[in-house]
Amino acid sequence: MPELIPPSPRLHASWLAAREEWGDEPRMDGAGLGYDDDVESADGFAAWVGRLRAYGDRTLPVEQGRVHATYWWIADGDTFLGAIDLRHYLNGFLLDAGGHIGYSVRPSARGRGVATRALAEVLYEARLLGMDRVLLTCDPDNTASMRTIERGGGVLEDVRETLIGPKRRYWIDL
């Protein structure tokens, strides 16, 4: 049964296999992956996992342009199925285009309700952080993500052009 777990170096091989499923230009929304992160080597991967886990600690500073966020991986045993994150607050970019929650599910695990269940769990975590509503965004042609957000209670505010292309913006009241 899929569950949310903190990012873990033990899933390195499965994470790499999942990334391969995305092809040449992997879009792993909610994974916190930066262009300069070394995820190929075991040491680099472990360092990246450590950074992901530290982003949730509000007593530690974050890099310019980032916000504090809690990251989870969606796993079934030792199999990485996807990632989801909860950004604790919004900066200008996130308010416009990214939202509080980002997620992705590897292609071979889609269509099984994995994202819907993960979103429900993260909405609970958002309530625990004291949030009263959260913003989620998706591309206008991503019908699966639209359905996931709407199942989670998302109400469409608008569709707008952003720095990263057009986005549908949904709010979920908690």
N, C-alpha and C. Protein backbone atom coordinates (compact mmCIF):
# COMPACT_ATOMS: atom_id res chain seq x y z
N MET A 1 0.85 -1.18 0.00
CA MET A 1 0.00 0.00 0.00
C MET A 1 0.89 1.24 0.00
N PRO A 2 0.70 2.16 -0.93
CA PRO A 2 1.52 3.37 -0.97
C PRO A 2 1.37 4.19 0.31
N GLU A 3 2.50 4.80 0.72
CA GLU A 3 2.49 5.67 1.89
C GLU A 3 3.45 6.82 1.66
N LEU A 4 3.26 7.90 2.43
CA LEU A 4 4.17 9.02 2.38
C LEU A 4 5.29 8.76 3.38
N ILE A 5 6.53 8.92 2.90
CA ILE A 5 7.69 8.75 3.76
C ILE A 5 8.63 9.93 3.56
N PRO A 6 9.47 10.24 4.53
CA PRO A 6 10.48 11.27 4.29
C PRO A 6 11.44 10.79 3.19
N PRO A 7 11.99 11.70 2.41
CA PRO A 7 12.99 11.29 1.41
C PRO A 7 14.08 10.45 2.07
N SER A 8 14.52 9.40 1.37
CA SER A 8 15.47 8.46 1.95
C SER A 8 16.49 7.98 0.92
N PRO A 9 17.77 7.96 1.31
CA PRO A 9 18.80 7.44 0.40
C PRO A 9 18.58 5.97 0.03
N ARG A 10 17.84 5.22 0.84
CA ARG A 10 17.64 3.79 0.54
C ARG A 10 16.84 3.56 -0.75
N LEU A 11 16.15 4.60 -1.23
CA LEU A 11 15.36 4.45 -2.46
C LEU A 11 16.10 4.97 -3.69
N HIS A 12 17.42 5.12 -3.59
CA HIS A 12 18.20 5.69 -4.68
C HIS A 12 17.95 4.97 -6.00
N ALA A 13 18.10 3.66 -6.03
CA ALA A 13 17.95 2.91 -7.29
C ALA A 13 16.53 3.05 -7.85
N SER A 14 15.53 2.97 -6.99
CA SER A 14 14.15 3.09 -7.45
C SER A 14 13.85 4.51 -7.93
N TRP A 15 14.41 5.50 -7.24
CA TRP A 15 14.22 6.89 -7.66
C TRP A 15 14.82 7.11 -9.05
N LEU A 16 16.03 6.58 -9.28
CA LEU A 16 16.66 6.71 -10.60
C LEU A 16 15.82 6.03 -11.68
N ALA A 17 15.27 4.86 -11.36
CA ALA A 17 14.42 4.15 -12.33
C ALA A 17 13.17 4.97 -12.65
N ALA A 18 12.60 5.59 -11.64
CA ALA A 18 11.42 6.44 -11.85
C ALA A 18 11.77 7.62 -12.74
N ARG A 19 12.91 8.24 -12.48
CA ARG A 19 13.33 9.39 -13.28
C ARG A 19 13.47 9.00 -14.75
N GLU A 20 13.96 7.81 -15.00
CA GLU A 20 14.11 7.34 -16.39
C GLU A 20 12.76 7.25 -17.10
N GLU A 21 11.70 6.95 -16.36
CA GLU A 21 10.37 6.85 -16.97
C GLU A 21 9.89 8.18 -17.52
N TRP A 22 10.39 9.30 -16.99
CA TRP A 22 9.98 10.61 -17.47
C TRP A 22 10.66 10.96 -18.79
N GLY A 23 11.70 10.26 -19.16
CA GLY A 23 12.36 10.53 -20.43
C GLY A 23 13.42 11.59 -20.33
N ASP A 24 13.70 12.24 -21.47
CA ASP A 24 14.80 13.19 -21.56
C ASP A 24 14.62 14.44 -20.70
N GLU A 25 13.41 14.89 -20.54
CA GLU A 25 13.17 16.10 -19.75
C GLU A 25 12.24 15.77 -18.59
N PRO A 26 12.79 15.14 -17.55
CA PRO A 26 11.93 14.76 -16.43
C PRO A 26 11.35 15.97 -15.71
N ARG A 27 10.04 15.93 -15.49
CA ARG A 27 9.36 16.96 -14.68
C ARG A 27 8.88 16.27 -13.44
N MET A 28 9.63 16.41 -12.43
CA MET A 28 9.29 15.77 -11.17
C MET A 28 8.82 16.84 -10.20
N ASP A 29 7.64 17.40 -10.46
CA ASP A 29 7.09 18.42 -9.59
C ASP A 29 6.98 17.88 -8.17
N GLY A 30 7.27 18.73 -7.21
CA GLY A 30 7.19 18.35 -5.81
C GLY A 30 8.40 17.61 -5.29
N ALA A 31 9.39 17.39 -6.16
CA ALA A 31 10.57 16.62 -5.74
C ALA A 31 11.69 17.50 -5.19
N GLY A 32 11.65 18.80 -5.46
CA GLY A 32 12.71 19.68 -4.98
C GLY A 32 14.03 19.51 -5.69
N LEU A 33 14.00 18.96 -6.87
CA LEU A 33 15.22 18.69 -7.61
C LEU A 33 15.69 19.94 -8.33
N GLY A 34 16.94 20.33 -8.05
CA GLY A 34 17.54 21.47 -8.72
C GLY A 34 18.41 21.02 -9.87
N TYR A 35 18.71 21.93 -10.78
CA TYR A 35 19.50 21.59 -11.95
C TYR A 35 20.92 21.15 -11.59
N ASP A 36 21.44 21.63 -10.49
CA ASP A 36 22.80 21.30 -10.11
C ASP A 36 22.90 20.21 -9.04
N ASP A 37 21.79 19.57 -8.70
CA ASP A 37 21.83 18.49 -7.72
C ASP A 37 22.43 17.23 -8.33
N ASP A 38 23.41 16.66 -7.64
CA ASP A 38 24.02 15.40 -8.06
C ASP A 38 23.21 14.26 -7.48
N VAL A 39 22.41 13.62 -8.32
CA VAL A 39 21.60 12.51 -7.83
C VAL A 39 22.09 11.17 -8.38
N GLU A 40 23.13 11.20 -9.19
CA GLU A 40 23.65 9.96 -9.77
C GLU A 40 24.47 9.17 -8.76
N SER A 41 25.37 9.83 -8.06
CA SER A 41 26.22 9.13 -7.10
C SER A 41 25.48 8.94 -5.79
N ALA A 42 25.82 7.90 -5.06
CA ALA A 42 25.19 7.63 -3.77
C ALA A 42 25.43 8.78 -2.80
N ASP A 43 26.65 9.33 -2.78
CA ASP A 43 26.94 10.43 -1.87
C ASP A 43 26.18 11.70 -2.26
N GLY A 44 26.13 11.99 -3.53
CA GLY A 44 25.39 13.17 -3.99
C GLY A 44 23.91 13.04 -3.71
N PHE A 45 23.38 11.85 -3.93
CA PHE A 45 21.96 11.60 -3.67
C PHE A 45 21.66 11.77 -2.19
N ALA A 46 22.51 11.22 -1.33
CA ALA A 46 22.32 11.34 0.12
C ALA A 46 22.39 12.80 0.55
N ALA A 47 23.28 13.57 -0.04
CA ALA A 47 23.39 14.99 0.29
C ALA A 47 22.12 15.74 -0.13
N TRP A 48 21.60 15.42 -1.30
CA TRP A 48 20.36 16.05 -1.78
C TRP A 48 19.20 15.70 -0.85
N VAL A 49 19.09 14.44 -0.47
CA VAL A 49 18.05 14.01 0.46
C VAL A 49 18.16 14.79 1.77
N GLY A 50 19.37 14.97 2.26
CA GLY A 50 19.59 15.75 3.48
C GLY A 50 19.10 17.18 3.35
N ARG A 51 19.35 17.79 2.19
CA ARG A 51 18.88 19.16 1.95
C ARG A 51 17.36 19.21 1.92
N LEU A 52 16.73 18.23 1.27
CA LEU A 52 15.27 18.19 1.22
C LEU A 52 14.69 18.14 2.63
N ARG A 53 15.26 17.29 3.46
CA ARG A 53 14.75 17.14 4.82
C ARG A 53 14.96 18.41 5.63
N ALA A 54 16.06 19.13 5.38
CA ALA A 54 16.35 20.36 6.13
C ALA A 54 15.41 21.50 5.75
N TYR A 55 14.87 21.51 4.53
CA TYR A 55 13.99 22.60 4.11
C TYR A 55 12.77 22.72 5.00
N GLY A 56 12.36 21.66 5.65
CA GLY A 56 11.19 21.71 6.53
C GLY A 56 11.47 22.32 7.89
N ASP A 57 12.73 22.51 8.22
CA ASP A 57 13.12 23.05 9.53
C ASP A 57 13.13 24.58 9.44
N ARG A 58 12.14 25.21 10.04
CA ARG A 58 12.02 26.67 9.95
C ARG A 58 13.09 27.41 10.74
N THR A 59 13.87 26.71 11.54
CA THR A 59 14.95 27.39 12.27
C THR A 59 16.19 27.54 11.40
N LEU A 60 16.21 26.87 10.25
CA LEU A 60 17.35 26.95 9.34
C LEU A 60 17.02 27.87 8.17
N PRO A 61 17.98 28.65 7.72
CA PRO A 61 17.72 29.51 6.55
C PRO A 61 17.64 28.67 5.28
N VAL A 62 16.93 29.20 4.29
CA VAL A 62 16.87 28.56 2.97
C VAL A 62 17.52 29.48 1.96
N GLU A 63 17.93 28.90 0.83
CA GLU A 63 18.59 29.68 -0.21
C GLU A 63 17.65 30.72 -0.81
N GLN A 64 18.26 31.72 -1.42
CA GLN A 64 17.51 32.77 -2.11
C GLN A 64 16.53 32.14 -3.10
N GLY A 65 15.29 32.59 -3.07
CA GLY A 65 14.27 32.12 -4.00
C GLY A 65 13.52 30.89 -3.52
N ARG A 66 13.99 30.24 -2.46
CA ARG A 66 13.31 29.06 -1.92
C ARG A 66 12.49 29.45 -0.71
N VAL A 67 11.57 28.59 -0.33
CA VAL A 67 10.80 28.76 0.90
C VAL A 67 10.90 27.47 1.70
N HIS A 68 10.60 27.54 2.98
CA HIS A 68 10.57 26.33 3.79
C HIS A 68 9.48 25.41 3.24
N ALA A 69 9.80 24.13 3.16
CA ALA A 69 8.86 23.16 2.60
C ALA A 69 9.14 21.80 3.21
N THR A 70 8.08 21.02 3.32
CA THR A 70 8.22 19.63 3.76
C THR A 70 8.05 18.75 2.54
N TYR A 71 8.99 17.83 2.36
CA TYR A 71 8.98 16.91 1.22
C TYR A 71 8.66 15.51 1.70
N TRP A 72 7.84 14.82 0.92
CA TRP A 72 7.57 13.40 1.15
C TRP A 72 7.75 12.67 -0.17
N TRP A 73 8.11 11.43 -0.05
CA TRP A 73 8.08 10.56 -1.21
C TRP A 73 6.92 9.60 -1.05
N ILE A 74 6.30 9.29 -2.16
CA ILE A 74 5.23 8.32 -2.18
C ILE A 74 5.89 6.99 -2.52
N ALA A 75 5.82 6.05 -1.60
CA ALA A 75 6.53 4.78 -1.78
C ALA A 75 5.62 3.61 -1.47
N ASP A 76 5.89 2.53 -2.14
CA ASP A 76 5.25 1.25 -1.85
C ASP A 76 6.39 0.30 -1.53
N GLY A 77 6.65 0.11 -0.24
CA GLY A 77 7.82 -0.66 0.16
C GLY A 77 9.08 0.08 -0.26
N ASP A 78 9.91 -0.58 -1.05
CA ASP A 78 11.15 0.02 -1.54
C ASP A 78 11.01 0.60 -2.94
N THR A 79 9.77 0.80 -3.38
CA THR A 79 9.53 1.34 -4.72
C THR A 79 9.07 2.78 -4.63
N PHE A 80 9.83 3.68 -5.24
CA PHE A 80 9.49 5.10 -5.33
C PHE A 80 8.40 5.27 -6.37
N LEU A 81 7.25 5.83 -5.94
CA LEU A 81 6.13 6.05 -6.86
C LEU A 81 5.99 7.51 -7.27
N GLY A 82 6.48 8.42 -6.41
CA GLY A 82 6.34 9.83 -6.72
C GLY A 82 6.79 10.69 -5.56
N ALA A 83 6.52 11.99 -5.70
CA ALA A 83 6.93 12.95 -4.68
C ALA A 83 5.83 13.99 -4.52
N ILE A 84 5.78 14.55 -3.32
CA ILE A 84 4.84 15.64 -3.03
C ILE A 84 5.49 16.54 -1.99
N ASP A 85 5.27 17.82 -2.13
CA ASP A 85 5.81 18.75 -1.13
C ASP A 85 4.76 19.76 -0.72
N LEU A 86 4.95 20.28 0.49
CA LEU A 86 4.09 21.32 1.04
C LEU A 86 4.98 22.51 1.37
N ARG A 87 4.78 23.58 0.62
CA ARG A 87 5.53 24.80 0.86
C ARG A 87 4.82 25.57 1.98
N HIS A 88 5.56 25.92 3.00
CA HIS A 88 4.96 26.49 4.21
C HIS A 88 4.39 27.88 4.01
N TYR A 89 4.85 28.59 3.02
CA TYR A 89 4.35 29.92 2.69
C TYR A 89 4.70 30.19 1.23
N LEU A 90 4.15 31.26 0.68
CA LEU A 90 4.36 31.57 -0.73
C LEU A 90 5.24 32.80 -0.90
N ASN A 91 6.12 32.74 -1.89
CA ASN A 91 6.80 33.94 -2.37
C ASN A 91 6.05 34.39 -3.63
N GLY A 92 6.52 35.42 -4.28
CA GLY A 92 5.82 35.94 -5.46
C GLY A 92 5.67 34.91 -6.57
N PHE A 93 6.74 34.17 -6.84
CA PHE A 93 6.68 33.16 -7.90
C PHE A 93 5.67 32.07 -7.57
N LEU A 94 5.70 31.57 -6.34
CA LEU A 94 4.78 30.51 -5.96
C LEU A 94 3.33 30.98 -5.97
N LEU A 95 3.09 32.22 -5.57
CA LEU A 95 1.73 32.76 -5.61
C LEU A 95 1.23 32.84 -7.04
N ASP A 96 2.10 33.18 -7.95
CA ASP A 96 1.70 33.31 -9.35
C ASP A 96 1.61 31.96 -10.06
N ALA A 97 2.60 31.09 -9.84
CA ALA A 97 2.71 29.91 -10.71
C ALA A 97 2.85 28.57 -10.01
N GLY A 98 3.39 28.53 -8.80
CA GLY A 98 3.76 27.23 -8.23
C GLY A 98 2.84 26.69 -7.16
N GLY A 99 2.29 27.55 -6.32
CA GLY A 99 1.39 27.11 -5.27
C GLY A 99 2.08 26.56 -4.04
N HIS A 100 1.26 26.12 -3.09
CA HIS A 100 1.74 25.54 -1.83
C HIS A 100 2.14 24.07 -1.98
N ILE A 101 1.50 23.37 -2.89
CA ILE A 101 1.71 21.93 -3.00
C ILE A 101 2.08 21.59 -4.44
N GLY A 102 3.13 20.80 -4.59
CA GLY A 102 3.52 20.27 -5.89
C GLY A 102 3.64 18.76 -5.77
N TYR A 103 3.32 18.05 -6.82
CA TYR A 103 3.41 16.59 -6.77
C TYR A 103 3.64 16.03 -8.17
N SER A 104 4.16 14.83 -8.18
CA SER A 104 4.30 14.09 -9.43
C SER A 104 4.29 12.60 -9.11
N VAL A 105 3.81 11.83 -10.06
CA VAL A 105 3.75 10.37 -9.92
C VAL A 105 4.43 9.78 -11.15
N ARG A 106 5.29 8.81 -10.90
CA ARG A 106 6.00 8.20 -12.04
C ARG A 106 4.98 7.60 -13.01
N PRO A 107 5.26 7.65 -14.30
CA PRO A 107 4.29 7.20 -15.29
C PRO A 107 3.72 5.80 -15.05
N SER A 108 4.53 4.85 -14.60
CA SER A 108 4.03 3.49 -14.42
C SER A 108 3.09 3.34 -13.22
N ALA A 109 3.00 4.36 -12.37
CA ALA A 109 2.13 4.29 -11.18
C ALA A 109 0.89 5.18 -11.32
N ARG A 110 0.71 5.80 -12.47
CA ARG A 110 -0.43 6.70 -12.66
C ARG A 110 -1.72 5.93 -12.87
N GLY A 111 -2.83 6.62 -12.62
CA GLY A 111 -4.15 6.04 -12.85
C GLY A 111 -4.62 5.12 -11.73
N ARG A 112 -3.93 5.13 -10.60
CA ARG A 112 -4.29 4.26 -9.48
C ARG A 112 -4.70 5.05 -8.24
N GLY A 113 -4.88 6.35 -8.36
CA GLY A 113 -5.28 7.18 -7.23
C GLY A 113 -4.15 7.56 -6.30
N VAL A 114 -2.91 7.34 -6.72
CA VAL A 114 -1.74 7.62 -5.88
C VAL A 114 -1.68 9.12 -5.52
N ALA A 115 -1.83 9.99 -6.50
CA ALA A 115 -1.75 11.43 -6.26
C ALA A 115 -2.92 11.90 -5.40
N THR A 116 -4.11 11.38 -5.64
CA THR A 116 -5.29 11.79 -4.87
C THR A 116 -5.11 11.46 -3.40
N ARG A 117 -4.62 10.26 -3.09
CA ARG A 117 -4.40 9.87 -1.69
C ARG A 117 -3.28 10.70 -1.06
N ALA A 118 -2.21 10.92 -1.81
CA ALA A 118 -1.10 11.72 -1.27
C ALA A 118 -1.56 13.14 -0.99
N LEU A 119 -2.32 13.73 -1.90
CA LEU A 119 -2.81 15.09 -1.69
C LEU A 119 -3.68 15.16 -0.43
N ALA A 120 -4.55 14.21 -0.23
CA ALA A 120 -5.40 14.20 0.97
C ALA A 120 -4.55 14.19 2.24
N GLU A 121 -3.50 13.41 2.26
CA GLU A 121 -2.63 13.35 3.43
C GLU A 121 -1.90 14.67 3.65
N VAL A 122 -1.45 15.30 2.58
CA VAL A 122 -0.71 16.55 2.71
C VAL A 122 -1.66 17.69 3.10
N LEU A 123 -2.90 17.65 2.67
CA LEU A 123 -3.86 18.66 3.12
C LEU A 123 -4.04 18.57 4.64
N TYR A 124 -4.04 17.38 5.18
CA TYR A 124 -4.10 17.20 6.63
C TYR A 124 -2.88 17.84 7.29
N GLU A 125 -1.70 17.61 6.72
CA GLU A 125 -0.47 18.20 7.26
C GLU A 125 -0.52 19.73 7.19
N ALA A 126 -1.12 20.27 6.14
CA ALA A 126 -1.25 21.73 6.01
C ALA A 126 -2.12 22.28 7.15
N ARG A 127 -3.17 21.56 7.48
CA ARG A 127 -4.01 21.99 8.61
C ARG A 127 -3.19 22.00 9.90
N LEU A 128 -2.37 20.99 10.09
CA LEU A 128 -1.54 20.92 11.29
C LEU A 128 -0.56 22.09 11.38
N LEU A 129 -0.12 22.60 10.24
CA LEU A 129 0.77 23.76 10.21
C LEU A 129 0.00 25.07 10.43
N GLY A 130 -1.31 24.99 10.53
CA GLY A 130 -2.11 26.18 10.77
C GLY A 130 -2.57 26.90 9.52
N MET A 131 -2.42 26.28 8.39
CA MET A 131 -2.85 26.92 7.14
C MET A 131 -4.37 26.83 7.04
N ASP A 132 -5.00 27.88 6.50
CA ASP A 132 -6.45 27.83 6.34
C ASP A 132 -6.88 27.61 4.89
N ARG A 133 -5.95 27.78 3.96
CA ARG A 133 -6.20 27.44 2.56
C ARG A 133 -4.87 27.28 1.85
N VAL A 134 -4.88 26.52 0.77
CA VAL A 134 -3.66 26.28 0.01
C VAL A 134 -3.94 26.48 -1.47
N LEU A 135 -2.89 26.87 -2.18
CA LEU A 135 -2.95 27.09 -3.62
C LEU A 135 -2.26 25.93 -4.33
N LEU A 136 -2.89 25.40 -5.36
CA LEU A 136 -2.28 24.40 -6.23
C LEU A 136 -2.42 24.87 -7.65
N THR A 137 -1.44 24.55 -8.48
CA THR A 137 -1.49 24.93 -9.88
C THR A 137 -1.20 23.72 -10.76
N CYS A 138 -1.64 23.80 -11.99
CA CYS A 138 -1.30 22.76 -12.97
C CYS A 138 -1.37 23.36 -14.37
N ASP A 139 -0.77 22.67 -15.30
CA ASP A 139 -0.84 23.09 -16.70
C ASP A 139 -2.27 22.92 -17.21
N PRO A 140 -2.73 23.80 -18.09
CA PRO A 140 -4.11 23.72 -18.58
C PRO A 140 -4.45 22.41 -19.30
N ASP A 141 -3.46 21.71 -19.83
CA ASP A 141 -3.73 20.46 -20.54
C ASP A 141 -3.53 19.21 -19.68
N ASN A 142 -3.26 19.39 -18.40
CA ASN A 142 -3.01 18.25 -17.51
C ASN A 142 -4.32 17.85 -16.83
N THR A 143 -5.15 17.10 -17.55
CA THR A 143 -6.47 16.74 -17.02
C THR A 143 -6.38 15.85 -15.79
N ALA A 144 -5.38 14.99 -15.71
CA ALA A 144 -5.25 14.14 -14.53
C ALA A 144 -5.00 14.98 -13.28
N SER A 145 -4.14 15.98 -13.39
CA SER A 145 -3.87 16.84 -12.25
C SER A 145 -5.09 17.70 -11.91
N MET A 146 -5.79 18.17 -12.91
CA MET A 146 -7.02 18.93 -12.67
C MET A 146 -7.99 18.10 -11.84
N ARG A 147 -8.17 16.84 -12.24
CA ARG A 147 -9.10 15.94 -11.51
C ARG A 147 -8.62 15.71 -10.08
N THR A 148 -7.31 15.51 -9.90
CA THR A 148 -6.77 15.29 -8.56
C THR A 148 -7.04 16.50 -7.67
N ILE A 149 -6.76 17.68 -8.17
CA ILE A 149 -6.96 18.91 -7.40
C ILE A 149 -8.44 19.11 -7.09
N GLU A 150 -9.29 18.90 -8.07
CA GLU A 150 -10.73 19.09 -7.86
C GLU A 150 -11.28 18.06 -6.88
N ARG A 151 -10.79 16.82 -6.92
CA ARG A 151 -11.20 15.81 -5.94
C ARG A 151 -10.79 16.21 -4.52
N GLY A 152 -9.69 16.95 -4.44
CA GLY A 152 -9.21 17.41 -3.14
C GLY A 152 -9.93 18.66 -2.64
N GLY A 153 -10.88 19.15 -3.41
CA GLY A 153 -11.63 20.33 -3.00
C GLY A 153 -11.21 21.60 -3.70
N GLY A 154 -10.35 21.52 -4.69
CA GLY A 154 -9.86 22.70 -5.39
C GLY A 154 -10.93 23.44 -6.15
N VAL A 155 -10.94 24.76 -5.99
CA VAL A 155 -11.84 25.64 -6.71
C VAL A 155 -10.99 26.53 -7.61
N LEU A 156 -11.29 26.50 -8.89
CA LEU A 156 -10.51 27.26 -9.87
C LEU A 156 -10.67 28.75 -9.64
N GLU A 157 -9.54 29.44 -9.46
CA GLU A 157 -9.57 30.90 -9.36
C GLU A 157 -9.39 31.53 -10.73
N ASP A 158 -8.39 31.05 -11.48
CA ASP A 158 -8.15 31.61 -12.80
C ASP A 158 -7.16 30.73 -13.57
N VAL A 159 -7.02 31.07 -14.83
CA VAL A 159 -5.98 30.52 -15.69
C VAL A 159 -5.18 31.73 -16.14
N ARG A 160 -3.86 31.69 -15.91
CA ARG A 160 -3.06 32.87 -16.23
C ARG A 160 -1.74 32.48 -16.86
N GLU A 161 -1.19 33.43 -17.57
CA GLU A 161 0.15 33.28 -18.14
C GLU A 161 1.15 33.61 -17.03
N THR A 162 2.15 32.73 -16.83
CA THR A 162 3.15 32.93 -15.80
C THR A 162 4.54 32.88 -16.43
N LEU A 163 5.55 33.05 -15.61
CA LEU A 163 6.94 32.95 -16.10
C LEU A 163 7.25 31.57 -16.67
N ILE A 164 6.50 30.56 -16.26
CA ILE A 164 6.75 29.19 -16.73
C ILE A 164 5.63 28.67 -17.62
N GLY A 165 4.84 29.58 -18.18
CA GLY A 165 3.77 29.20 -19.09
C GLY A 165 2.41 29.33 -18.43
N PRO A 166 1.36 28.96 -19.16
CA PRO A 166 0.01 29.10 -18.61
C PRO A 166 -0.23 28.13 -17.46
N LYS A 167 -0.95 28.59 -16.45
CA LYS A 167 -1.25 27.77 -15.27
C LYS A 167 -2.71 27.94 -14.85
N ARG A 168 -3.32 26.84 -14.49
CA ARG A 168 -4.63 26.84 -13.81
C ARG A 168 -4.33 26.96 -12.33
N ARG A 169 -4.98 27.89 -11.64
CA ARG A 169 -4.72 28.13 -10.21
C ARG A 169 -5.97 27.80 -9.40
N TYR A 170 -5.81 26.88 -8.47
CA TYR A 170 -6.90 26.41 -7.62
C TYR A 170 -6.61 26.70 -6.15
N TRP A 171 -7.64 27.07 -5.40
CA TRP A 171 -7.53 27.20 -3.95
C TRP A 171 -8.34 26.10 -3.29
N ILE A 172 -7.79 25.55 -2.23
CA ILE A 172 -8.51 24.56 -1.41
C ILE A 172 -8.62 25.14 -0.01
N ASP A 173 -9.85 25.34 0.45
CA ASP A 173 -10.09 25.78 1.82
C ASP A 173 -9.92 24.59 2.75
N LEU A 174 -9.20 24.84 3.85
CA LEU A 174 -8.95 23.76 4.81
C LEU A 174 -9.87 23.91 6.02
